[in-house]
Amino acid sequence: MGTSKKIVLNCILCTASLLFLAGLTGADPSAKDPGPVYKKMRPLKPEGVDAKTPERPFDVEQIPDPFLSYLIGAGKKRAAQTEQQLRKRFQAEQKRLAEEEVLLKRRLAAKKRLMALKMPKTELQEMHIGQLILTAIVQGKNKAWAMVRNERGRGFVLKKGTHIGKNGGVVFKIVLAGKKVSIREPYLENGLYLKHKTTEMTLPDKVYE
């Protein structure tokens, strides 16, 4: 075989080898590199979901809000503070109402005591002190007496402890030297506290019969 025939045979063998290798790799030696291929991102399936279950489309609204927990916490805190304030106001109102109820009961009890003291038991208690005239004072060894008369001229004897007048007055002192009779009359201070004021009857310089 000549030299030219050997060269041709080698070229044929090289070309056959290249074609064979290209057929094995499926690649076209003359084609350019297509570069990387990117696939569309899909949401991961929850754990435990069957692979055959159809995938749901990705929903942006399902992404958790990073500020949501803070807002919920702040709202709960404000709600707790508001509830505590309302509870305090309610307790204060309950306390105020209870105190007012106690005060009202005390006022009613004081009024009843005053009415009982003013309840007339004798004829002297059915007249105002201003309707009576002091006519005489008698001083004994250990006691003193006084005489008063009403507008009709009827006389009454007074001594310490005698109830007199429509205001529940009680004689507590008869003084001959001062020519007077002191009477204590009960009244309510602020509609609650039982107090006494002093009213005096003075013996005139001249008593007209």
N, C-alpha and C. Protein backbone atom coordinates (compact mmCIF):
# COMPACT_ATOMS: atom_id res chain seq x y z
N MET A 1 0.87 -1.20 0.00
CA MET A 1 0.00 0.00 0.00
C MET A 1 0.89 1.22 0.00
N GLY A 2 0.46 2.20 -0.84
CA GLY A 2 1.26 3.40 -0.97
C GLY A 2 1.09 4.34 0.19
N THR A 3 1.94 5.34 0.26
CA THR A 3 1.89 6.32 1.37
C THR A 3 0.65 7.14 1.31
N SER A 4 0.17 7.55 0.16
CA SER A 4 -1.04 8.39 0.02
C SER A 4 -2.26 7.63 0.47
N LYS A 5 -2.29 6.33 0.21
CA LYS A 5 -3.43 5.53 0.65
C LYS A 5 -3.48 5.44 2.17
N LYS A 6 -2.33 5.35 2.83
CA LYS A 6 -2.27 5.27 4.31
C LYS A 6 -2.80 6.55 4.92
N ILE A 7 -2.46 7.68 4.31
CA ILE A 7 -2.91 8.98 4.86
C ILE A 7 -4.41 9.09 4.76
N VAL A 8 -4.97 8.69 3.64
CA VAL A 8 -6.43 8.75 3.44
C VAL A 8 -7.12 7.85 4.42
N LEU A 9 -6.56 6.63 4.62
CA LEU A 9 -7.17 5.68 5.55
C LEU A 9 -7.17 6.20 6.98
N ASN A 10 -6.10 6.85 7.37
CA ASN A 10 -6.04 7.42 8.74
C ASN A 10 -7.07 8.55 8.93
N CYS A 11 -7.24 9.34 7.92
CA CYS A 11 -8.24 10.43 8.00
C CYS A 11 -9.63 9.86 8.17
N ILE A 12 -9.92 8.79 7.40
CA ILE A 12 -11.24 8.17 7.51
C ILE A 12 -11.46 7.61 8.91
N LEU A 13 -10.42 6.97 9.48
CA LEU A 13 -10.54 6.38 10.82
C LEU A 13 -10.75 7.47 11.87
N CYS A 14 -10.06 8.58 11.74
CA CYS A 14 -10.21 9.69 12.72
C CYS A 14 -11.62 10.27 12.66
N THR A 15 -12.10 10.47 11.44
CA THR A 15 -13.45 11.03 11.29
C THR A 15 -14.49 10.08 11.86
N ALA A 16 -14.29 8.74 11.61
CA ALA A 16 -15.23 7.75 12.14
C ALA A 16 -15.21 7.74 13.64
N SER A 17 -14.03 7.91 14.23
CA SER A 17 -13.91 7.92 15.70
C SER A 17 -14.63 9.13 16.30
N LEU A 18 -14.45 10.28 15.67
CA LEU A 18 -15.11 11.51 16.18
C LEU A 18 -16.62 11.38 16.10
N LEU A 19 -17.10 10.86 15.00
CA LEU A 19 -18.56 10.68 14.86
C LEU A 19 -19.08 9.70 15.88
N PHE A 20 -18.33 8.66 16.17
CA PHE A 20 -18.75 7.66 17.13
C PHE A 20 -18.84 8.26 18.53
N LEU A 21 -17.80 9.04 18.87
CA LEU A 21 -17.80 9.68 20.20
C LEU A 21 -18.94 10.70 20.32
N ALA A 22 -19.17 11.45 19.26
CA ALA A 22 -20.27 12.43 19.28
C ALA A 22 -21.61 11.73 19.42
N GLY A 23 -21.74 10.57 18.82
CA GLY A 23 -22.99 9.84 18.96
C GLY A 23 -23.19 9.33 20.39
N LEU A 24 -22.08 8.96 21.06
CA LEU A 24 -22.20 8.47 22.44
C LEU A 24 -22.61 9.59 23.40
N THR A 25 -22.06 10.75 23.27
CA THR A 25 -22.33 11.85 24.21
C THR A 25 -23.56 12.62 23.82
N GLY A 26 -24.07 12.48 22.64
CA GLY A 26 -25.26 13.22 22.19
C GLY A 26 -25.00 14.70 22.04
N ALA A 27 -23.76 15.08 22.01
CA ALA A 27 -23.43 16.50 21.95
C ALA A 27 -22.93 16.84 20.59
N ASP A 28 -23.26 18.02 20.22
CA ASP A 28 -22.79 18.52 18.94
C ASP A 28 -21.53 19.31 19.17
N PRO A 29 -20.40 18.86 18.68
CA PRO A 29 -19.14 19.57 18.96
C PRO A 29 -19.16 20.98 18.46
N SER A 30 -19.98 21.24 17.41
CA SER A 30 -19.98 22.59 16.87
C SER A 30 -20.96 23.51 17.57
N ALA A 31 -21.85 22.92 18.44
CA ALA A 31 -22.87 23.76 19.16
C ALA A 31 -22.22 24.48 20.30
N LYS A 32 -22.80 25.69 20.61
CA LYS A 32 -22.29 26.49 21.74
C LYS A 32 -22.86 25.98 23.05
N ASP A 33 -22.19 26.31 24.16
CA ASP A 33 -22.66 25.94 25.52
C ASP A 33 -23.94 26.69 25.83
N PRO A 34 -25.07 26.00 26.08
CA PRO A 34 -26.35 26.70 26.35
C PRO A 34 -26.38 27.42 27.67
N GLY A 35 -25.44 27.15 28.60
CA GLY A 35 -25.44 27.82 29.90
C GLY A 35 -26.40 27.14 30.89
N PRO A 36 -26.48 27.64 32.14
CA PRO A 36 -27.33 27.00 33.18
C PRO A 36 -28.81 27.19 32.88
N VAL A 37 -29.59 26.20 33.29
CA VAL A 37 -31.05 26.22 33.11
C VAL A 37 -31.69 26.46 34.46
N TYR A 38 -32.60 27.49 34.59
CA TYR A 38 -33.28 27.83 35.86
C TYR A 38 -34.71 27.34 35.82
N LYS A 39 -35.11 26.71 36.92
CA LYS A 39 -36.47 26.22 37.04
C LYS A 39 -37.28 27.17 37.92
N LYS A 40 -38.59 27.18 37.71
CA LYS A 40 -39.49 28.04 38.49
C LYS A 40 -39.58 27.53 39.93
N MET A 41 -39.46 28.46 40.87
CA MET A 41 -39.50 28.10 42.29
C MET A 41 -40.92 27.69 42.71
N ARG A 42 -41.01 26.61 43.42
CA ARG A 42 -42.31 26.13 43.90
C ARG A 42 -42.26 26.03 45.43
N PRO A 43 -43.38 26.31 46.07
CA PRO A 43 -43.39 26.20 47.53
C PRO A 43 -43.24 24.76 47.97
N LEU A 44 -42.57 24.58 49.08
CA LEU A 44 -42.39 23.24 49.61
C LEU A 44 -43.71 22.71 50.15
N LYS A 45 -43.94 21.45 49.98
CA LYS A 45 -45.16 20.85 50.52
C LYS A 45 -44.99 20.64 52.02
N PRO A 46 -46.06 20.87 52.77
CA PRO A 46 -45.97 20.61 54.22
C PRO A 46 -45.61 19.17 54.48
N GLU A 47 -44.99 18.99 55.64
CA GLU A 47 -44.57 17.64 56.02
C GLU A 47 -45.78 16.76 56.21
N GLY A 48 -45.73 15.59 55.70
CA GLY A 48 -46.83 14.65 55.85
C GLY A 48 -47.82 14.68 54.72
N VAL A 49 -47.69 15.61 53.76
CA VAL A 49 -48.61 15.69 52.63
C VAL A 49 -48.15 14.73 51.55
N ASP A 50 -49.07 14.02 51.00
CA ASP A 50 -48.73 13.03 49.97
C ASP A 50 -48.18 13.74 48.73
N ALA A 51 -47.20 13.10 48.13
CA ALA A 51 -46.56 13.70 46.95
C ALA A 51 -47.53 13.81 45.80
N LYS A 52 -48.59 12.96 45.81
CA LYS A 52 -49.56 12.98 44.73
C LYS A 52 -50.57 14.11 44.88
N THR A 53 -50.62 14.71 46.07
CA THR A 53 -51.57 15.81 46.29
C THR A 53 -51.20 16.98 45.40
N PRO A 54 -52.18 17.54 44.71
CA PRO A 54 -51.84 18.66 43.80
C PRO A 54 -51.34 19.87 44.59
N GLU A 55 -50.35 20.47 44.04
CA GLU A 55 -49.73 21.62 44.70
C GLU A 55 -50.63 22.84 44.58
N ARG A 56 -50.73 23.62 45.71
CA ARG A 56 -51.48 24.86 45.69
C ARG A 56 -50.59 25.99 45.20
N PRO A 57 -51.15 26.96 44.53
CA PRO A 57 -50.31 28.08 44.07
C PRO A 57 -49.76 28.87 45.24
N PHE A 58 -48.61 29.42 45.07
CA PHE A 58 -47.94 30.17 46.13
C PHE A 58 -48.70 31.47 46.40
N ASP A 59 -49.11 31.68 47.68
CA ASP A 59 -49.90 32.85 48.08
C ASP A 59 -49.03 33.77 48.93
N VAL A 60 -48.82 35.00 48.43
CA VAL A 60 -47.97 35.96 49.16
C VAL A 60 -48.61 36.38 50.47
N GLU A 61 -49.97 36.38 50.52
CA GLU A 61 -50.65 36.84 51.73
C GLU A 61 -50.47 35.87 52.89
N GLN A 62 -50.04 34.64 52.58
CA GLN A 62 -49.82 33.66 53.64
C GLN A 62 -48.48 33.84 54.34
N ILE A 63 -47.67 34.74 53.85
CA ILE A 63 -46.37 34.98 54.49
C ILE A 63 -46.62 35.68 55.83
N PRO A 64 -46.13 35.18 56.94
CA PRO A 64 -46.38 35.79 58.26
C PRO A 64 -45.80 37.20 58.34
N ASP A 65 -46.60 38.10 58.94
CA ASP A 65 -46.17 39.50 59.12
C ASP A 65 -45.21 39.56 60.32
N PRO A 66 -43.99 40.03 60.14
CA PRO A 66 -43.03 40.06 61.27
C PRO A 66 -43.45 41.02 62.37
N PHE A 67 -44.34 42.01 62.06
CA PHE A 67 -44.78 42.96 63.09
C PHE A 67 -46.09 42.53 63.74
N LEU A 68 -46.70 41.45 63.23
CA LEU A 68 -48.01 41.06 63.74
C LEU A 68 -47.95 40.67 65.21
N SER A 69 -46.95 39.87 65.59
CA SER A 69 -46.85 39.44 66.99
C SER A 69 -46.65 40.62 67.92
N TYR A 70 -45.88 41.60 67.47
CA TYR A 70 -45.68 42.80 68.30
C TYR A 70 -46.98 43.58 68.47
N LEU A 71 -47.72 43.74 67.37
CA LEU A 71 -48.99 44.47 67.44
C LEU A 71 -50.00 43.75 68.31
N ILE A 72 -50.03 42.42 68.19
CA ILE A 72 -50.95 41.64 69.02
C ILE A 72 -50.58 41.77 70.49
N GLY A 73 -49.27 41.69 70.78
CA GLY A 73 -48.82 41.84 72.17
C GLY A 73 -49.14 43.21 72.72
N ALA A 74 -48.92 44.25 71.90
CA ALA A 74 -49.22 45.61 72.36
C ALA A 74 -50.71 45.78 72.60
N GLY A 75 -51.53 45.20 71.72
CA GLY A 75 -52.99 45.29 71.89
C GLY A 75 -53.45 44.59 73.15
N LYS A 76 -52.88 43.42 73.43
CA LYS A 76 -53.24 42.71 74.66
C LYS A 76 -52.83 43.50 75.89
N LYS A 77 -51.66 44.13 75.81
CA LYS A 77 -51.19 44.93 76.95
C LYS A 77 -52.12 46.11 77.21
N ARG A 78 -52.52 46.80 76.14
CA ARG A 78 -53.45 47.93 76.30
C ARG A 78 -54.79 47.45 76.83
N ALA A 79 -55.26 46.31 76.34
CA ALA A 79 -56.54 45.77 76.82
C ALA A 79 -56.47 45.43 78.30
N ALA A 80 -55.32 44.85 78.72
CA ALA A 80 -55.15 44.51 80.14
C ALA A 80 -55.11 45.76 81.00
N GLN A 81 -54.42 46.80 80.52
CA GLN A 81 -54.36 48.05 81.27
C GLN A 81 -55.74 48.69 81.38
N THR A 82 -56.48 48.69 80.27
CA THR A 82 -57.84 49.25 80.29
C THR A 82 -58.74 48.48 81.25
N GLU A 83 -58.63 47.16 81.22
CA GLU A 83 -59.44 46.33 82.12
C GLU A 83 -59.09 46.61 83.58
N GLN A 84 -57.79 46.78 83.85
CA GLN A 84 -57.37 47.08 85.23
C GLN A 84 -57.90 48.44 85.68
N GLN A 85 -57.86 49.43 84.79
CA GLN A 85 -58.39 50.75 85.14
C GLN A 85 -59.89 50.69 85.38
N LEU A 86 -60.61 49.96 84.55
CA LEU A 86 -62.04 49.82 84.74
C LEU A 86 -62.36 49.10 86.04
N ARG A 87 -61.54 48.10 86.38
CA ARG A 87 -61.75 47.37 87.63
C ARG A 87 -61.53 48.29 88.83
N LYS A 88 -60.49 49.12 88.75
CA LYS A 88 -60.23 50.06 89.85
C LYS A 88 -61.37 51.08 89.99
N ARG A 89 -61.84 51.58 88.84
CA ARG A 89 -62.96 52.54 88.90
C ARG A 89 -64.20 51.88 89.48
N PHE A 90 -64.45 50.65 89.09
CA PHE A 90 -65.62 49.93 89.60
C PHE A 90 -65.51 49.72 91.10
N GLN A 91 -64.33 49.32 91.55
CA GLN A 91 -64.13 49.12 92.99
C GLN A 91 -64.27 50.42 93.76
N ALA A 92 -63.73 51.52 93.20
CA ALA A 92 -63.86 52.83 93.85
C ALA A 92 -65.33 53.26 93.92
N GLU A 93 -66.07 53.00 92.84
CA GLU A 93 -67.50 53.36 92.83
C GLU A 93 -68.28 52.51 93.83
N GLN A 94 -67.94 51.23 93.92
CA GLN A 94 -68.59 50.36 94.90
C GLN A 94 -68.30 50.83 96.32
N LYS A 95 -67.06 51.23 96.56
CA LYS A 95 -66.69 51.72 97.89
C LYS A 95 -67.43 53.01 98.22
N ARG A 96 -67.53 53.90 97.21
CA ARG A 96 -68.23 55.18 97.44
C ARG A 96 -69.71 54.93 97.75
N LEU A 97 -70.33 54.03 97.00
CA LEU A 97 -71.74 53.73 97.23
C LEU A 97 -71.95 53.10 98.61
N ALA A 98 -71.02 52.22 98.99
CA ALA A 98 -71.13 51.59 100.31
C ALA A 98 -70.99 52.63 101.42
N GLU A 99 -70.05 53.57 101.25
CA GLU A 99 -69.88 54.63 102.26
C GLU A 99 -71.10 55.53 102.32
N GLU A 100 -71.67 55.84 101.15
CA GLU A 100 -72.87 56.66 101.14
C GLU A 100 -74.04 55.95 101.80
N GLU A 101 -74.13 54.65 101.59
CA GLU A 101 -75.20 53.88 102.22
C GLU A 101 -75.05 53.87 103.74
N VAL A 102 -73.81 53.70 104.22
CA VAL A 102 -73.56 53.72 105.66
C VAL A 102 -73.89 55.10 106.23
N LEU A 103 -73.48 56.15 105.50
CA LEU A 103 -73.75 57.52 105.96
C LEU A 103 -75.25 57.79 106.01
N LEU A 104 -75.98 57.31 105.01
CA LEU A 104 -77.42 57.50 104.99
C LEU A 104 -78.09 56.80 106.18
N LYS A 105 -77.63 55.60 106.49
CA LYS A 105 -78.18 54.87 107.64
C LYS A 105 -77.89 55.61 108.94
N ARG A 106 -76.70 56.17 109.05
CA ARG A 106 -76.36 56.93 110.25
C ARG A 106 -77.22 58.19 110.36
N ARG A 107 -77.47 58.86 109.24
CA ARG A 107 -78.32 60.05 109.26
C ARG A 107 -79.75 59.70 109.68
N LEU A 108 -80.26 58.60 109.13
CA LEU A 108 -81.61 58.18 109.48
C LEU A 108 -81.70 57.82 110.96
N ALA A 109 -80.67 57.13 111.46
CA ALA A 109 -80.67 56.76 112.88
C ALA A 109 -80.61 58.00 113.77
N ALA A 110 -79.78 58.99 113.38
CA ALA A 110 -79.68 60.22 114.16
C ALA A 110 -81.00 60.99 114.14
N LYS A 111 -81.65 61.01 112.98
CA LYS A 111 -82.93 61.70 112.87
C LYS A 111 -83.99 61.04 113.74
N LYS A 112 -83.97 59.71 113.79
CA LYS A 112 -84.91 58.99 114.64
C LYS A 112 -84.67 59.30 116.11
N ARG A 113 -83.41 59.38 116.51
CA ARG A 113 -83.09 59.71 117.91
C ARG A 113 -83.62 61.10 118.26
N LEU A 114 -83.40 62.07 117.34
CA LEU A 114 -83.86 63.43 117.59
C LEU A 114 -85.39 63.48 117.67
N MET A 115 -86.05 62.77 116.78
CA MET A 115 -87.52 62.75 116.81
C MET A 115 -88.03 62.13 118.09
N ALA A 116 -87.32 61.11 118.58
CA ALA A 116 -87.74 60.48 119.84
C ALA A 116 -87.58 61.45 121.00
N LEU A 117 -86.51 62.26 120.98
CA LEU A 117 -86.30 63.24 122.06
C LEU A 117 -87.35 64.35 121.99
N LYS A 118 -87.84 64.66 120.80
CA LYS A 118 -88.83 65.73 120.67
C LYS A 118 -90.26 65.24 120.82
N MET A 119 -90.43 63.94 120.92
CA MET A 119 -91.79 63.40 121.05
C MET A 119 -92.41 63.90 122.36
N PRO A 120 -93.54 64.64 122.30
CA PRO A 120 -94.14 65.19 123.53
C PRO A 120 -94.74 64.11 124.44
N LYS A 121 -94.40 64.23 125.70
CA LYS A 121 -94.93 63.29 126.69
C LYS A 121 -95.75 64.03 127.76
N THR A 122 -95.54 65.31 127.85
CA THR A 122 -96.28 66.12 128.84
C THR A 122 -96.84 67.36 128.14
N GLU A 123 -97.71 68.08 128.87
CA GLU A 123 -98.29 69.30 128.33
C GLU A 123 -97.23 70.36 128.10
N LEU A 124 -96.19 70.39 128.93
CA LEU A 124 -95.10 71.37 128.77
C LEU A 124 -94.37 71.19 127.44
N GLN A 125 -94.34 69.95 126.94
CA GLN A 125 -93.63 69.67 125.69
C GLN A 125 -94.48 70.00 124.45
N GLU A 126 -95.69 70.41 124.66
CA GLU A 126 -96.55 70.78 123.55
C GLU A 126 -96.55 72.29 123.32
N MET A 127 -95.73 73.02 124.07
CA MET A 127 -95.63 74.48 123.94
C MET A 127 -94.19 74.88 123.65
N HIS A 128 -94.04 75.98 122.92
CA HIS A 128 -92.71 76.53 122.71
C HIS A 128 -92.25 77.24 123.98
N ILE A 129 -90.97 77.26 124.21
CA ILE A 129 -90.43 77.92 125.40
C ILE A 129 -90.80 79.41 125.40
N GLY A 130 -90.85 79.99 124.21
CA GLY A 130 -91.20 81.40 124.12
C GLY A 130 -92.62 81.71 124.57
N GLN A 131 -93.48 80.68 124.68
CA GLN A 131 -94.85 80.88 125.13
C GLN A 131 -94.97 80.82 126.65
N LEU A 132 -93.86 80.52 127.33
CA LEU A 132 -93.86 80.39 128.78
C LEU A 132 -93.14 81.56 129.42
N ILE A 133 -93.60 81.94 130.62
CA ILE A 133 -92.99 83.04 131.37
C ILE A 133 -92.51 82.51 132.70
N LEU A 134 -91.26 82.80 133.04
CA LEU A 134 -90.70 82.40 134.33
C LEU A 134 -91.24 83.35 135.39
N THR A 135 -91.91 82.81 136.39
CA THR A 135 -92.55 83.65 137.42
C THR A 135 -91.88 83.58 138.77
N ALA A 136 -91.15 82.51 139.08
CA ALA A 136 -90.54 82.40 140.41
C ALA A 136 -89.44 81.35 140.40
N ILE A 137 -88.47 81.54 141.31
CA ILE A 137 -87.40 80.56 141.55
C ILE A 137 -87.30 80.37 143.05
N VAL A 138 -87.32 79.12 143.48
CA VAL A 138 -87.26 78.80 144.90
C VAL A 138 -86.02 77.94 145.13
N GLN A 139 -85.20 78.37 146.06
CA GLN A 139 -83.98 77.63 146.37
C GLN A 139 -84.17 76.87 147.66
N GLY A 140 -84.07 75.56 147.63
CA GLY A 140 -84.17 74.74 148.82
C GLY A 140 -82.79 74.46 149.38
N LYS A 141 -82.72 73.50 150.31
CA LYS A 141 -81.44 73.17 150.93
C LYS A 141 -80.52 72.49 149.93
N ASN A 142 -81.07 71.57 149.21
CA ASN A 142 -80.26 70.83 148.23
C ASN A 142 -80.76 70.99 146.80
N LYS A 143 -81.91 71.59 146.63
CA LYS A 143 -82.51 71.70 145.31
C LYS A 143 -83.05 73.10 145.09
N ALA A 144 -83.37 73.33 143.81
CA ALA A 144 -84.01 74.59 143.44
C ALA A 144 -85.18 74.26 142.52
N TRP A 145 -86.25 75.03 142.65
CA TRP A 145 -87.43 74.87 141.82
C TRP A 145 -87.73 76.17 141.11
N ALA A 146 -88.50 76.09 140.08
CA ALA A 146 -88.92 77.30 139.36
C ALA A 146 -90.37 77.13 138.96
N MET A 147 -91.00 78.25 138.74
CA MET A 147 -92.41 78.26 138.32
C MET A 147 -92.49 79.00 136.99
N VAL A 148 -93.25 78.43 136.06
CA VAL A 148 -93.53 79.08 134.78
C VAL A 148 -95.03 79.03 134.56
N ARG A 149 -95.51 79.90 133.68
CA ARG A 149 -96.93 79.88 133.35
C ARG A 149 -97.07 80.12 131.85
N ASN A 150 -98.15 79.61 131.33
CA ASN A 150 -98.39 79.79 129.89
C ASN A 150 -99.22 81.04 129.65
N GLU A 151 -99.63 81.24 128.42
CA GLU A 151 -100.36 82.45 128.05
C GLU A 151 -101.75 82.49 128.68
N ARG A 152 -102.23 81.35 129.06
CA ARG A 152 -103.56 81.28 129.69
C ARG A 152 -103.47 81.46 131.21
N GLY A 153 -102.26 81.57 131.72
CA GLY A 153 -102.09 81.75 133.15
C GLY A 153 -101.92 80.47 133.93
N ARG A 154 -101.85 79.35 133.26
CA ARG A 154 -101.68 78.09 133.97
C ARG A 154 -100.22 77.93 134.35
N GLY A 155 -99.97 77.52 135.62
CA GLY A 155 -98.60 77.39 136.11
C GLY A 155 -98.08 75.96 136.07
N PHE A 156 -96.74 75.88 135.95
CA PHE A 156 -96.07 74.58 135.92
C PHE A 156 -94.81 74.67 136.77
N VAL A 157 -94.47 73.59 137.47
CA VAL A 157 -93.28 73.54 138.30
C VAL A 157 -92.13 72.93 137.51
N LEU A 158 -90.98 73.59 137.58
CA LEU A 158 -89.78 73.07 136.90
C LEU A 158 -88.75 72.65 137.93
N LYS A 159 -88.04 71.59 137.59
CA LYS A 159 -86.89 71.15 138.38
C LYS A 159 -85.87 70.56 137.40
N LYS A 160 -84.71 70.26 137.89
CA LYS A 160 -83.67 69.72 137.01
C LYS A 160 -84.14 68.39 136.41
N GLY A 161 -84.07 68.30 135.09
CA GLY A 161 -84.49 67.09 134.38
C GLY A 161 -85.89 67.16 133.83
N THR A 162 -86.60 68.28 134.06
CA THR A 162 -87.96 68.43 133.52
C THR A 162 -87.89 68.67 132.01
N HIS A 163 -88.71 67.94 131.26
CA HIS A 163 -88.80 68.12 129.81
C HIS A 163 -89.72 69.30 129.52
N ILE A 164 -89.27 70.16 128.64
CA ILE A 164 -90.01 71.38 128.37
C ILE A 164 -89.79 71.83 126.93
N GLY A 165 -90.86 72.31 126.30
CA GLY A 165 -90.75 72.85 124.94
C GLY A 165 -90.90 71.79 123.85
N LYS A 166 -91.24 72.26 122.63
CA LYS A 166 -91.45 71.36 121.49
C LYS A 166 -90.14 70.86 120.88
N ASN A 167 -89.01 71.44 121.26
CA ASN A 167 -87.72 71.04 120.67
C ASN A 167 -86.98 70.02 121.52
N GLY A 168 -87.69 69.38 122.43
CA GLY A 168 -87.06 68.34 123.25
C GLY A 168 -86.14 68.87 124.33
N GLY A 169 -86.41 70.11 124.81
CA GLY A 169 -85.57 70.71 125.83
C GLY A 169 -85.69 70.02 127.18
N VAL A 170 -84.60 70.10 127.95
CA VAL A 170 -84.55 69.53 129.30
C VAL A 170 -83.91 70.55 130.22
N VAL A 171 -84.55 70.80 131.39
CA VAL A 171 -83.98 71.72 132.38
C VAL A 171 -82.75 71.06 133.01
N PHE A 172 -81.60 71.75 132.94
CA PHE A 172 -80.41 71.17 133.56
C PHE A 172 -79.80 72.08 134.62
N LYS A 173 -80.30 73.33 134.75
CA LYS A 173 -79.75 74.19 135.81
C LYS A 173 -80.78 75.28 136.16
N ILE A 174 -80.98 75.46 137.46
CA ILE A 174 -81.82 76.54 137.97
C ILE A 174 -80.96 77.37 138.91
N VAL A 175 -80.78 78.64 138.62
CA VAL A 175 -79.87 79.49 139.38
C VAL A 175 -80.67 80.63 140.00
N LEU A 176 -80.75 80.63 141.34
CA LEU A 176 -81.49 81.69 142.02
C LEU A 176 -80.76 83.02 141.93
N ALA A 177 -79.43 83.00 142.12
CA ALA A 177 -78.68 84.25 142.09
C ALA A 177 -78.75 84.91 140.72
N GLY A 178 -78.74 84.13 139.70
CA GLY A 178 -78.79 84.67 138.34
C GLY A 178 -80.19 84.87 137.83
N LYS A 179 -81.16 84.40 138.63
CA LYS A 179 -82.57 84.52 138.27
C LYS A 179 -82.84 83.95 136.88
N LYS A 180 -82.35 82.75 136.64
CA LYS A 180 -82.56 82.16 135.32
C LYS A 180 -82.65 80.64 135.40
N VAL A 181 -83.24 80.10 134.39
CA VAL A 181 -83.35 78.65 134.22
C VAL A 181 -82.69 78.30 132.88
N SER A 182 -81.73 77.39 132.92
CA SER A 182 -81.03 76.97 131.69
C SER A 182 -81.63 75.67 131.17
N ILE A 183 -81.89 75.65 129.88
CA ILE A 183 -82.52 74.50 129.23
C ILE A 183 -81.65 74.06 128.05
N ARG A 184 -81.44 72.77 127.94
CA ARG A 184 -80.65 72.22 126.83
C ARG A 184 -81.58 71.60 125.80
N GLU A 185 -81.42 72.03 124.53
CA GLU A 185 -82.25 71.52 123.45
C GLU A 185 -81.37 70.76 122.44
N PRO A 186 -81.77 69.55 122.06
CA PRO A 186 -80.97 68.77 121.10
C PRO A 186 -81.18 69.24 119.66
N TYR A 187 -80.15 69.04 118.83
CA TYR A 187 -80.25 69.32 117.40
C TYR A 187 -79.20 68.48 116.68
N LEU A 188 -79.33 68.41 115.38
CA LEU A 188 -78.39 67.62 114.58
C LEU A 188 -77.43 68.55 113.85
N GLU A 189 -76.15 68.26 114.00
CA GLU A 189 -75.13 69.01 113.28
C GLU A 189 -74.78 68.24 112.02
N ASN A 190 -74.91 68.91 110.87
CA ASN A 190 -74.68 68.28 109.57
C ASN A 190 -75.62 67.10 109.34
N GLY A 191 -76.75 67.14 110.03
CA GLY A 191 -77.72 66.07 109.88
C GLY A 191 -77.24 64.73 110.38
N LEU A 192 -76.17 64.70 111.18
CA LEU A 192 -75.56 63.43 111.59
C LEU A 192 -75.23 63.37 113.07
N TYR A 193 -74.64 64.45 113.61
CA TYR A 193 -74.16 64.43 115.00
C TYR A 193 -75.17 65.10 115.91
N LEU A 194 -75.53 64.42 116.98
CA LEU A 194 -76.49 64.96 117.95
C LEU A 194 -75.77 65.91 118.90
N LYS A 195 -76.18 67.17 118.87
CA LYS A 195 -75.59 68.19 119.72
C LYS A 195 -76.69 68.82 120.58
N HIS A 196 -76.27 69.72 121.49
CA HIS A 196 -77.22 70.42 122.35
C HIS A 196 -76.87 71.90 122.37
N LYS A 197 -77.89 72.72 122.35
CA LYS A 197 -77.71 74.16 122.52
C LYS A 197 -78.45 74.59 123.78
N THR A 198 -78.00 75.69 124.35
CA THR A 198 -78.57 76.17 125.61
C THR A 198 -79.52 77.33 125.37
N THR A 199 -80.69 77.20 125.95
CA THR A 199 -81.69 78.27 125.93
C THR A 199 -81.98 78.67 127.38
N GLU A 200 -82.05 79.95 127.65
CA GLU A 200 -82.25 80.42 129.02
C GLU A 200 -83.57 81.17 129.16
N MET A 201 -84.20 80.92 130.28
CA MET A 201 -85.39 81.68 130.68
C MET A 201 -85.00 82.57 131.87
N THR A 202 -85.21 83.87 131.74
CA THR A 202 -84.80 84.81 132.78
C THR A 202 -86.01 85.33 133.57
N LEU A 203 -85.85 85.39 134.87
CA LEU A 203 -86.91 85.90 135.74
C LEU A 203 -87.01 87.42 135.57
N PRO A 204 -88.13 87.91 135.13
CA PRO A 204 -88.26 89.39 134.94
C PRO A 204 -88.18 90.11 136.30
N ASP A 205 -87.84 91.40 136.22
CA ASP A 205 -87.76 92.18 137.45
C ASP A 205 -89.10 92.28 138.14
N LYS A 206 -90.17 92.30 137.39
CA LYS A 206 -91.50 92.39 137.97
C LYS A 206 -92.41 91.43 137.23
N VAL A 207 -93.08 90.60 137.99
CA VAL A 207 -93.99 89.62 137.40
C VAL A 207 -95.40 90.12 137.57
N TYR A 208 -96.09 90.22 136.47
CA TYR A 208 -97.47 90.69 136.53
C TYR A 208 -98.42 89.51 136.66
N GLU A 209 -99.27 89.59 137.63
CA GLU A 209 -100.23 88.51 137.87
C GLU A 209 -101.42 88.68 136.95
